[in-house]
Each structure stands twice: as C-alpha cells, then as structure tokens.
Amino acid sequence: MDWYICDLTPIVAIRKSDGAVYVSLPDSEGSLLWEGDKPLVQAKEEWQVIAMLEAAAIAMDRATCQAWISCLERHVPVDAQLARRAELFINWARPKVEFTPAKARPYSGDFDPLDVNSVYALYERLAELDQAPEESAGADSEGEVLPGDIADFVAQQVQIAVADLADGYNVLFVGPTGSGKNTAAEAVFKRLGWHVEAIEGKENLDDLYVCGAIVPQEGGLRWVDGPLARALRRAAQEPVLLWFNEINRCQRKHLNILISVLDPKPAMLFESLAGVAESPSGRYLSLEIPQTGELLVAPVEHFHVLAACNLGSQYAVAEFDPALERRFGTVVEFDYLEPEQESRLLRASVPALPERLARAMASLAHQVRAQWRNAECAAPLDTGRVIVWARKVAREPEATPGTVLATARTTWLPVVAGRDHSGLVDRGIAQGLEELVQDLVGGVL
C-alpha cells in the first residue's frame, strides 16, 4: 500500500487500500479513518482530529467527506474554529476516481510512523516538495461554491489588505469567530501571488512550527527551518508573505522573536549582505538562529506579515502586546454580515437552500448575536456555523420544522446556549433559542 504525504498538515501520511482509508500520525500507526461506508473516529486530540479531517478531504469524494464531518460532530467536541476548517475542506474536496489527490503526493521512502527520525525526515521531504509545481485540482463541479464567490463578501477588507501589503505595511485582521478573516486571507494570497508561509497560533506551539528546531536525524542532530525561518530565507531574493493566524494565542517567546524580526536595521549593521537583494530603502530585517550561528537577512521590501486574531474577554487569548501591534501599519476590522448579505452568502454557499429559509436563518443569526451582545447567551452564532446548519437542512429530503430544529441542536445550539456547572447544556437558554428557531425558521415552512 502506497503512502501519500499531505501538504495541509505536516507529518501526516495517508493511504487507501481495500475500501479503507488510513491516516498515520507521529504517535499512531495507521489509525483507520474510514472503512467501506462506516466512518470511524479514533483520534481524540484536537490536532489529530484536524489531521484526520484534512486526510478525509484529500482522500475522499465530497459526499463521503460530508458524511465524515457528520460523524465527527456526533463523536468529537467541535469548536467554532474546527467547524470552519471542516467547511473549508468540504468546499474544496474534489471527487477522485483514482487515489491521486491534487494536495497529496506519493512518498516512496521508508516511513515508520512510530520512528521519530522518519517523521522528521518526512517533514523535511514536505518542505522540498513545496518547491515543486502543484497539479491542477481540475474543474469545479457544477453548483459548487468557489473561494472567489465567498470572498466577494469581504471584498472591501481584501482590497485594503492587498493595497497596504503591496505598499510595505504589515496587516492585522481583527474580528469575531467566523466573520470571514480566513476567507479574506485566502483571497489576499491569490491577489498578491507571493510565496506564503503559515503559522497557526496556539499556546503550546512547538518551536519547530515557528522558527525551527534541532531534530534527530540519522547519524546525528540537524536544524530544520520553521515557517518564520523559511520565510526570511526566501525573502532574501523575492517577496514573501507570512500568514500568522490566531497570533495572540502564541507563547510570548514566539511573539518576541517576531517583534525583533520586524524591527528594521540599516545595512551598516550587517557584516555581509552577500546573497541578499538590495533594499531600495537601505533597511533590512533579520533573524538570528543561535543553534547554528546563522543570521538570515532580507530587505524590508520583501518580507510582509498578514496576521489575524480574536480580541475580547470571551476568547482564551492573551492581550495584544502594544510593541507587536505597533509593527502592524494597518488594522482591518471584521464583523458579522447584515441579514440581507448573510442571506445571499447562504444562497451562494448552499444553492439547494430555498431563499425563504436562507432569509429566516440569517435573520435568526442576527437576533442571536444581539442576545449575545446583551449577555443573554454564551456565544454568538457565527457565519461558519450558519452555513453548516444550512447544508444539513438542505441535504434533508424535505425541510420541516422538526428537521430544522434537530439540525440546529447538533450544529450550534449547545455552543450558543452554553453549559451549566455540571457540563450539561443550559436548558433555560436552550429552550429560548429553540423557540426562536421554531418562530423564525420553522414558521416559513
């Protein structure tokens, strides 16, 4: 059985054989993801769930991937960020007759998922393959939502970001969960056409996924660049964009490194600029790697940062460091769409959804957010969850008040209602939300 390596999550391999799809992670040997028509959930850690989710989107057709997400929602706690990511992969999953996915490439070397040396060798191989041209993903299926269609709803934010990044300003996206920051970022990537390196912020993020780290290799130890080091190294000769998602969830030590990198220095402070493109302004950015003694240098005109974060007391994030905030010349605000816009987004994302239902769902989401702002519920109903809800309703043979309420209960209602001290859904708030669903959405059926 051939292994395939996955570009979307490093250190993940997938294979398909005899009607089963396997995903291999560093601490599990070939966990079964899917067998015949039965989805199986074996990963429990969030990062493992994300990895298996990405493997599902790569290895399976769209319908199978949707069934996998439904299984995931029933058996594994899914937060808003993971739900949005799931939707992204469902939208972009392509039916494949043969297992030759556009986002995975054959791995011919020996791969033992339990051998740490092989794991890091695979990670290095991924970095090498990043340089190879990607195969075309093929034509989009009829009626499928293209990224550009959704990006139209954040066109103003995209326009500001593209213009200011091109002018040399780092850009920060700020807004609540599910308000379009990631969608806007993807549109920015395409508009600029620069090489992109990405960091997904989280509190316990390993150094390997920021600057880099020394890792065990056959015959000894070796330094492996992380996204920040790769970005600086490449920016010595060409424009590079560093995408830093959830930036204020990172450890302070990683943010301090970024602050230092974004502090421009004159050319006279560097002993040598050999191999570095000349900066028109005479200013350069640098990153020192103490483990190797190497100093990476790039002209300020070549290195750009686009970051995103949630701010506010409801999020488990650190306060934004003023020193870091000063490094961003542009701050772009995001908020939830108005009901009319959100209704159009639902129709674009779920063409099978009747217009009257799209309007009712958008109106309900708007009212629930108003309740949240008045501290009447635990969380807002973000756009990503509304789209998931709409897809579930649209797949039913017939939308009824009962199916609308049932899908709300498995998609967003427990998150929005919150839980009591015993961990159960707050029934008082949940009952009020259910009545709102029946009045606004069930009432149009």
Protein backbone atom coordinates (compact mmCIF):
# COMPACT_ATOMS: atom_id res chain seq x y z
CA MET A 1 0.00 0.00 0.00
CA ASP A 2 1.50 3.31 -1.06
CA TRP A 3 1.75 6.16 1.40
CA TYR A 4 0.87 9.70 0.36
CA ILE A 5 2.07 12.78 2.18
CA CYS A 6 -0.30 15.61 2.94
CA ASP A 7 0.68 19.23 2.29
CA LEU A 8 -2.05 20.64 4.51
CA THR A 9 -0.78 19.27 7.81
CA PRO A 10 2.94 18.41 8.13
CA ILE A 11 3.92 14.99 9.45
CA VAL A 12 0.79 13.27 8.19
CA ALA A 13 0.65 10.41 5.73
CA ILE A 14 -2.42 8.75 4.25
CA ARG A 15 -3.06 5.57 2.30
CA LYS A 16 -6.04 3.81 0.79
CA SER A 17 -6.47 0.06 0.41
CA ASP A 18 -9.30 -2.47 0.25
CA GLY A 19 -12.01 0.11 0.83
CA ALA A 20 -10.29 1.59 3.90
CA VAL A 21 -8.54 4.92 4.34
CA TYR A 22 -5.72 5.12 6.89
CA VAL A 23 -4.07 8.19 8.36
CA SER A 24 -0.68 7.89 10.02
CA LEU A 25 0.30 10.33 12.76
CA PRO A 26 3.54 10.50 14.78
CA ASP A 27 2.01 8.64 17.71
CA SER A 28 -0.39 6.26 15.98
CA GLU A 29 0.26 3.56 13.43
CA GLY A 30 -2.25 3.66 10.61
CA SER A 31 -5.38 4.73 12.50
CA LEU A 32 -8.40 3.65 10.48
CA LEU A 33 -10.33 6.68 9.27
CA TRP A 34 -12.98 5.09 7.05
CA GLU A 35 -13.95 1.54 6.18
CA GLY A 36 -16.50 0.89 3.46
CA ASP A 37 -19.47 3.10 4.28
CA LYS A 38 -18.70 3.33 8.00
CA PRO A 39 -16.82 6.36 9.36
CA LEU A 40 -14.64 5.64 12.39
CA VAL A 41 -13.36 8.19 14.89
CA GLN A 42 -10.22 7.14 16.74
CA ALA A 43 -8.28 10.38 17.25
CA LYS A 44 -9.17 12.35 20.37
CA GLU A 45 -6.67 15.22 20.49
CA GLU A 46 -7.77 18.29 18.54
CA TRP A 47 -4.68 18.34 16.32
CA GLN A 48 -5.24 14.66 15.49
CA VAL A 49 -8.86 15.37 14.58
CA ILE A 50 -7.76 18.20 12.29
CA ALA A 51 -5.16 15.96 10.65
CA MET A 52 -7.71 13.19 10.06
CA LEU A 53 -10.18 15.75 8.78
CA GLU A 54 -7.68 17.01 6.22
CA ALA A 55 -6.88 13.46 5.17
CA ALA A 56 -10.61 12.85 4.67
CA ALA A 57 -10.95 15.88 2.42
CA ILE A 58 -7.98 14.75 0.36
CA ALA A 59 -8.68 11.04 0.07
CA MET A 60 -12.45 11.04 -0.37
CA ASP A 61 -15.10 12.49 -2.60
CA ARG A 62 -17.35 15.31 -1.48
CA ALA A 63 -20.29 13.17 -0.30
CA THR A 64 -18.06 10.88 1.74
CA CYS A 65 -16.31 13.86 3.29
CA GLN A 66 -19.65 15.36 4.34
CA ALA A 67 -20.63 12.07 5.98
CA TRP A 68 -17.30 12.06 7.82
CA ILE A 69 -17.95 15.57 9.15
CA SER A 70 -21.38 14.50 10.40
CA CYS A 71 -19.77 11.59 12.23
CA LEU A 72 -17.11 13.92 13.64
CA GLU A 73 -19.73 16.28 15.03
CA ARG A 74 -21.53 13.43 16.79
CA HIS A 75 -18.48 11.91 18.47
CA VAL A 76 -15.85 14.61 18.96
CA PRO A 77 -16.29 18.07 20.54
CA VAL A 78 -16.00 20.53 17.65
CA ASP A 79 -15.26 24.17 18.42
CA ALA A 80 -16.04 27.04 16.07
CA GLN A 81 -12.55 27.17 14.56
CA LEU A 82 -12.55 23.46 13.75
CA ALA A 83 -16.06 23.67 12.30
CA ARG A 84 -14.99 26.48 9.95
CA ARG A 85 -11.97 24.48 8.90
CA ALA A 86 -14.18 21.48 8.24
CA GLU A 87 -16.38 23.55 5.97
CA LEU A 88 -13.35 24.81 4.07
CA PHE A 89 -12.21 21.29 3.30
CA ILE A 90 -15.69 20.13 2.35
CA ASN A 91 -15.98 23.00 -0.13
CA TRP A 92 -12.67 22.21 -1.75
CA ALA A 93 -12.79 18.41 -1.70
CA ARG A 94 -12.83 17.03 -5.24
CA PRO A 95 -14.20 13.64 -6.33
CA LYS A 96 -11.34 11.36 -7.39
CA VAL A 97 -11.74 8.23 -9.48
CA GLU A 98 -8.22 7.12 -8.59
CA PHE A 99 -6.38 7.99 -5.41
CA THR A 100 -4.20 10.71 -6.92
CA PRO A 101 -5.27 13.77 -4.93
CA ALA A 102 -4.02 17.17 -6.00
CA LYS A 103 -2.97 18.08 -2.48
CA ALA A 104 -1.03 14.90 -1.68
CA ARG A 105 1.99 13.38 -3.37
CA PRO A 106 3.40 9.84 -3.35
CA TYR A 107 6.05 9.16 -0.74
CA SER A 108 8.39 6.42 -1.90
CA GLY A 109 10.78 6.36 1.06
CA ASP A 110 10.57 4.06 4.05
CA PHE A 111 8.11 5.51 6.52
CA ASP A 112 7.57 4.18 10.00
CA PRO A 113 5.03 6.41 11.81
CA LEU A 114 6.42 5.36 15.17
CA ASP A 115 10.01 6.26 14.30
CA VAL A 116 10.73 9.91 15.16
CA ASN A 117 13.64 10.04 12.70
CA SER A 118 11.33 9.01 9.87
CA VAL A 119 8.73 11.53 10.99
CA TYR A 120 11.14 14.44 10.76
CA ALA A 121 12.57 13.09 7.50
CA LEU A 122 9.05 13.18 6.14
CA TYR A 123 8.65 16.75 7.39
CA GLU A 124 11.81 17.76 5.52
CA ARG A 125 10.56 15.99 2.41
CA LEU A 126 7.40 18.08 2.62
CA ALA A 127 9.47 21.25 2.62
CA GLU A 128 11.31 20.07 -0.50
CA LEU A 129 8.07 19.26 -2.30
CA ASP A 130 6.78 22.76 -1.57
CA GLN A 131 9.15 23.88 -4.31
CA ALA A 132 7.53 21.57 -6.89
CA PRO A 133 4.63 22.86 -9.03
CA GLU A 134 1.24 21.62 -7.88
CA GLU A 135 -1.03 19.65 -10.17
CA SER A 136 -4.24 21.28 -11.21
CA ALA A 137 -7.16 20.37 -8.99
CA GLY A 138 -9.41 20.15 -12.03
CA ALA A 139 -12.60 21.94 -12.94
CA ASP A 140 -15.07 22.84 -10.25
CA SER A 141 -18.22 20.77 -10.15
CA GLU A 142 -21.41 22.46 -11.23
CA GLY A 143 -23.05 24.49 -8.49
CA GLU A 144 -20.06 24.30 -6.14
CA VAL A 145 -19.07 27.44 -4.28
CA LEU A 146 -15.76 28.83 -5.45
CA PRO A 147 -13.50 30.65 -2.99
CA GLY A 148 -13.87 33.80 -5.08
CA ASP A 149 -17.65 33.77 -4.68
CA ILE A 150 -17.41 33.80 -0.90
CA ALA A 151 -14.53 36.30 -0.97
CA ASP A 152 -16.90 38.82 -2.58
CA PHE A 153 -18.48 39.27 0.85
CA VAL A 154 -15.17 40.50 2.31
CA ALA A 155 -14.03 42.34 -0.83
CA GLN A 156 -13.51 45.67 0.95
CA GLN A 157 -11.22 44.14 3.58
CA VAL A 158 -9.31 42.24 0.88
CA GLN A 159 -8.80 45.40 -1.17
CA ILE A 160 -7.37 47.30 1.82
CA ALA A 161 -5.06 44.43 2.77
CA VAL A 162 -3.71 43.91 -0.75
CA ALA A 163 -3.03 47.61 -1.29
CA ASP A 164 -1.30 48.14 2.05
CA LEU A 165 0.76 44.95 1.94
CA ALA A 166 1.97 45.96 -1.52
CA ASP A 167 2.96 49.34 -0.04
CA GLY A 168 5.04 47.66 2.66
CA TYR A 169 2.66 47.72 5.63
CA ASN A 170 2.04 44.65 7.74
CA VAL A 171 -1.69 43.98 8.11
CA LEU A 172 -3.69 42.68 11.07
CA PHE A 173 -7.19 41.22 10.68
CA VAL A 174 -9.35 41.60 13.81
CA GLY A 175 -12.85 40.26 14.27
CA PRO A 176 -15.07 37.69 15.96
CA THR A 177 -15.06 33.99 15.18
CA GLY A 178 -16.50 33.11 11.79
CA SER A 179 -16.57 36.65 10.41
CA GLY A 180 -14.51 35.97 7.27
CA LYS A 181 -10.88 36.59 8.27
CA ASN A 182 -9.57 33.31 6.84
CA THR A 183 -11.63 33.70 3.68
CA ALA A 184 -10.21 37.18 3.19
CA ALA A 185 -6.67 35.91 3.79
CA GLU A 186 -7.04 33.27 1.08
CA ALA A 187 -8.22 35.94 -1.35
CA VAL A 188 -5.22 38.11 -0.43
CA PHE A 189 -2.84 35.21 -1.15
CA LYS A 190 -4.27 34.83 -4.64
CA ARG A 191 -4.32 38.54 -5.42
CA LEU A 192 -0.70 39.13 -4.40
CA GLY A 193 0.77 35.94 -5.83
CA TRP A 194 3.68 35.94 -3.36
CA HIS A 195 5.11 32.83 -1.75
CA VAL A 196 3.22 32.18 1.51
CA GLU A 197 4.46 30.62 4.74
CA ALA A 198 1.93 30.00 7.51
CA ILE A 199 1.92 29.74 11.30
CA GLU A 200 -1.19 28.53 13.14
CA GLY A 201 -1.05 30.14 16.55
CA LYS A 202 -1.69 28.09 19.68
CA GLU A 203 -0.46 28.27 23.25
CA ASN A 204 1.70 25.13 23.21
CA LEU A 205 3.06 25.58 19.69
CA ASP A 206 6.42 23.87 19.30
CA ASP A 207 9.46 25.88 18.18
CA LEU A 208 9.66 23.67 15.08
CA TYR A 209 6.47 25.27 13.77
CA VAL A 210 7.66 28.85 14.30
CA CYS A 211 11.39 29.46 13.85
CA GLY A 212 12.58 25.89 13.61
CA ALA A 213 14.36 23.38 15.81
CA ILE A 214 17.18 20.88 16.00
CA VAL A 215 15.71 17.45 15.38
CA PRO A 216 17.15 13.92 15.43
CA GLN A 217 18.36 12.65 12.09
CA GLU A 218 20.12 9.51 11.00
CA GLY A 219 23.68 9.95 12.17
CA GLY A 220 23.04 12.89 14.48
CA LEU A 221 21.07 16.09 15.00
CA ARG A 222 20.17 18.68 12.40
CA TRP A 223 18.49 22.08 12.27
CA VAL A 224 15.14 22.22 10.41
CA ASP A 225 13.71 25.62 9.43
CA GLY A 226 10.25 26.54 10.67
CA PRO A 227 7.87 28.83 8.74
CA LEU A 228 9.46 32.05 10.02
CA ALA A 229 12.99 30.97 9.10
CA ARG A 230 11.83 29.66 5.71
CA ALA A 231 10.09 32.96 5.03
CA LEU A 232 13.17 35.07 5.90
CA ARG A 233 15.46 32.78 3.93
CA ARG A 234 13.31 33.07 0.81
CA ALA A 235 12.66 36.79 1.28
CA ALA A 236 16.36 37.44 0.73
CA GLN A 237 15.60 37.29 -3.00
CA GLU A 238 11.82 37.60 -3.52
CA PRO A 239 8.63 38.89 -1.84
CA VAL A 240 7.23 36.55 0.80
CA LEU A 241 4.06 36.75 2.88
CA LEU A 242 3.96 35.25 6.38
CA TRP A 243 0.38 34.34 7.35
CA PHE A 244 0.12 34.22 11.16
CA ASN A 245 -3.34 33.02 12.15
CA GLU A 246 -4.56 33.34 15.77
CA ILE A 247 -1.43 35.34 16.52
CA ASN A 248 -2.38 36.24 20.09
CA ARG A 249 -2.74 32.59 21.11
CA CYS A 250 1.02 32.05 20.83
CA GLN A 251 3.57 31.94 23.60
CA ARG A 252 5.16 35.28 24.39
CA LYS A 253 8.63 33.98 23.45
CA HIS A 254 7.48 33.38 19.87
CA LEU A 255 5.87 36.81 19.63
CA ASN A 256 9.03 38.43 20.99
CA ILE A 257 11.01 36.80 18.18
CA LEU A 258 8.57 38.20 15.62
CA ILE A 259 8.80 41.66 17.19
CA SER A 260 12.58 41.51 16.85
CA VAL A 261 12.37 40.33 13.23
CA LEU A 262 10.05 43.21 12.32
CA ASP A 263 12.49 45.80 13.65
CA PRO A 264 14.27 47.20 10.53
CA LYS A 265 18.01 47.77 10.66
CA PRO A 266 20.34 49.78 8.38
CA ALA A 267 22.75 47.96 6.08
CA MET A 268 25.78 49.17 8.05
CA LEU A 269 24.88 46.86 10.95
CA PHE A 270 25.47 43.72 8.88
CA GLU A 271 28.94 42.40 8.19
CA SER A 272 27.86 40.89 4.88
CA LEU A 273 24.80 41.08 2.66
CA ALA A 274 26.05 38.54 0.15
CA GLY A 275 23.16 36.71 -1.48
CA VAL A 276 20.65 39.31 -0.27
CA ALA A 277 18.79 41.54 -2.72
CA GLU A 278 19.50 45.25 -2.35
CA SER A 279 16.91 47.18 -0.36
CA PRO A 280 15.79 50.43 -2.05
CA SER A 281 15.33 51.95 1.42
CA GLY A 282 18.62 50.56 2.74
CA ARG A 283 16.80 48.73 5.56
CA TYR A 284 16.82 45.03 6.33
CA LEU A 285 15.09 42.53 8.60
CA SER A 286 16.99 39.72 10.27
CA LEU A 287 16.59 36.53 12.27
CA GLU A 288 19.45 35.02 14.23
CA ILE A 289 19.46 31.25 14.74
CA PRO A 290 21.56 30.68 17.88
CA GLN A 291 21.57 26.91 17.45
CA THR A 292 23.51 27.20 14.18
CA GLY A 293 25.06 30.67 14.42
CA GLU A 294 23.33 31.62 11.16
CA LEU A 295 21.92 35.10 10.51
CA LEU A 296 19.08 35.31 8.00
CA VAL A 297 18.68 38.72 6.35
CA ALA A 298 16.09 40.08 3.92
CA PRO A 299 15.24 43.55 2.59
CA VAL A 300 12.19 45.07 4.28
CA GLU A 301 10.50 45.32 0.88
CA HIS A 302 10.47 41.51 0.57
CA PHE A 303 9.06 40.40 3.92
CA HIS A 304 5.42 41.03 4.80
CA VAL A 305 3.16 39.79 7.60
CA LEU A 306 -0.58 39.23 7.46
CA ALA A 307 -1.98 38.18 10.84
CA ALA A 308 -5.41 37.51 12.30
CA CYS A 309 -6.76 37.41 15.83
CA ASN A 310 -9.85 37.49 18.01
CA LEU A 311 -9.96 40.14 20.71
CA GLY A 312 -12.34 40.30 23.65
CA SER A 313 -12.96 38.70 27.02
CA GLN A 314 -14.84 35.71 25.59
CA TYR A 315 -11.72 34.34 23.89
CA ALA A 316 -8.95 32.45 25.68
CA VAL A 317 -6.26 34.69 24.25
CA ALA A 318 -3.53 36.97 25.57
CA GLU A 319 -3.79 40.73 25.41
CA PHE A 320 -2.24 42.10 22.25
CA ASP A 321 1.25 43.39 23.03
CA PRO A 322 1.46 47.13 22.14
CA ALA A 323 5.01 46.58 20.85
CA LEU A 324 3.73 43.94 18.44
CA GLU A 325 0.65 45.95 17.49
CA ARG A 326 2.90 48.85 16.51
CA ARG A 327 4.53 46.60 13.89
CA PHE A 328 1.23 46.45 12.01
CA GLY A 329 0.66 49.58 9.97
CA THR A 330 -2.87 48.53 9.03
CA VAL A 331 -5.63 47.04 11.18
CA VAL A 332 -8.65 45.74 9.26
CA GLU A 333 -11.85 45.15 11.21
CA PHE A 334 -14.30 42.31 10.51
CA ASP A 335 -17.83 41.86 11.79
CA TYR A 336 -20.76 39.62 11.02
CA LEU A 337 -22.75 40.40 7.89
CA GLU A 338 -26.08 42.16 7.92
CA PRO A 339 -29.05 39.78 7.45
CA GLU A 340 -29.52 40.60 3.76
CA GLN A 341 -25.84 39.98 2.97
CA GLU A 342 -25.72 36.83 5.07
CA SER A 343 -28.81 35.53 3.30
CA ARG A 344 -27.06 35.96 -0.06
CA LEU A 345 -23.97 34.24 1.31
CA LEU A 346 -26.07 31.26 2.42
CA ARG A 347 -27.64 31.01 -1.03
CA ALA A 348 -24.20 31.18 -2.66
CA SER A 349 -22.76 28.56 -0.30
CA VAL A 350 -25.78 26.23 -0.36
CA PRO A 351 -27.59 26.60 -3.71
CA ALA A 352 -30.14 23.93 -2.73
CA LEU A 353 -31.33 26.03 0.22
CA PRO A 354 -34.67 27.78 -0.50
CA GLU A 355 -34.44 31.56 -0.43
CA ARG A 356 -37.08 31.88 2.29
CA LEU A 357 -35.05 29.58 4.55
CA ALA A 358 -31.84 31.50 3.85
CA ARG A 359 -33.53 34.75 4.85
CA ALA A 360 -35.00 33.20 8.00
CA MET A 361 -31.67 31.66 9.06
CA ALA A 362 -29.83 34.94 8.50
CA SER A 363 -32.45 36.84 10.49
CA LEU A 364 -32.20 34.33 13.34
CA ALA A 365 -28.39 34.57 13.39
CA HIS A 366 -28.67 38.36 13.62
CA GLN A 367 -31.05 38.15 16.58
CA VAL A 368 -28.94 35.55 18.39
CA ARG A 369 -25.88 37.80 18.08
CA ALA A 370 -27.89 40.66 19.56
CA GLN A 371 -28.74 38.40 22.50
CA TRP A 372 -25.07 37.51 22.90
CA ARG A 373 -24.05 41.18 22.96
CA ASN A 374 -26.60 41.65 25.75
CA ALA A 375 -25.06 38.69 27.65
CA GLU A 376 -28.21 36.60 27.17
CA CYS A 377 -26.35 33.58 25.74
CA ALA A 378 -22.86 32.10 25.93
CA ALA A 379 -21.59 32.65 22.37
CA PRO A 380 -22.62 34.26 19.08
CA LEU A 381 -23.97 32.24 16.18
CA ASP A 382 -21.11 32.74 13.73
CA THR A 383 -21.45 32.61 9.97
CA GLY A 384 -19.48 29.38 9.64
CA ARG A 385 -21.94 27.51 11.83
CA VAL A 386 -24.92 29.02 10.00
CA ILE A 387 -23.51 27.64 6.72
CA VAL A 388 -23.03 24.20 8.30
CA TRP A 389 -26.61 24.34 9.56
CA ALA A 390 -27.88 25.34 6.11
CA ARG A 391 -26.05 22.43 4.47
CA LYS A 392 -27.55 19.95 6.91
CA VAL A 393 -31.06 21.28 6.31
CA ALA A 394 -30.58 21.29 2.52
CA ARG A 395 -29.48 17.65 2.44
CA GLU A 396 -32.76 16.50 4.01
CA PRO A 397 -35.31 15.09 1.52
CA GLU A 398 -37.79 17.63 2.88
CA ALA A 399 -37.11 20.53 5.22
CA THR A 400 -39.61 20.55 8.08
CA PRO A 401 -39.75 22.48 11.37
CA GLY A 402 -38.61 19.27 13.07
CA THR A 403 -35.53 18.76 10.88
CA VAL A 404 -34.59 22.44 11.13
CA LEU A 405 -34.68 22.25 14.93
CA ALA A 406 -32.93 18.87 15.07
CA THR A 407 -30.02 20.08 12.92
CA ALA A 408 -29.76 23.27 14.98
CA ARG A 409 -29.38 21.12 18.11
CA THR A 410 -26.43 19.23 16.60
CA THR A 411 -24.77 22.20 14.90
CA TRP A 412 -24.81 25.35 17.00
CA LEU A 413 -27.41 25.39 19.76
CA PRO A 414 -25.28 23.78 22.55
CA VAL A 415 -22.37 26.14 21.83
CA VAL A 416 -24.54 29.26 21.80
CA ALA A 417 -26.58 28.24 24.85
CA GLY A 418 -23.53 27.30 26.91
CA ARG A 419 -23.32 24.73 29.69
CA ASP A 420 -24.12 24.74 33.37
CA HIS A 421 -21.81 23.78 36.26
CA SER A 422 -22.43 20.07 35.62
CA GLY A 423 -21.44 20.28 31.96
CA LEU A 424 -24.97 19.96 30.60
CA VAL A 425 -26.45 22.37 28.06
CA ASP A 426 -28.12 25.29 29.84
CA ARG A 427 -31.74 24.29 29.35
CA GLY A 428 -33.20 27.70 30.11
CA ILE A 429 -31.21 29.45 27.39
CA ALA A 430 -31.52 26.47 25.02
CA GLN A 431 -35.30 26.50 25.33
CA GLY A 432 -35.43 30.18 24.42
CA LEU A 433 -33.23 29.57 21.38
CA GLU A 434 -35.35 26.62 20.29
CA GLU A 435 -38.46 28.78 20.44
CA LEU A 436 -36.68 31.38 18.31
CA VAL A 437 -35.80 28.70 15.73
CA GLN A 438 -39.40 27.50 15.61
CA ASP A 439 -40.77 31.03 15.26
CA LEU A 440 -38.33 32.46 12.70
CA VAL A 441 -37.24 29.44 10.67
CA GLY A 442 -39.88 26.80 11.26
CA GLY A 443 -42.52 29.44 10.64
CA VAL A 444 -41.59 29.84 6.96
CA LEU A 445 -42.03 26.12 6.17
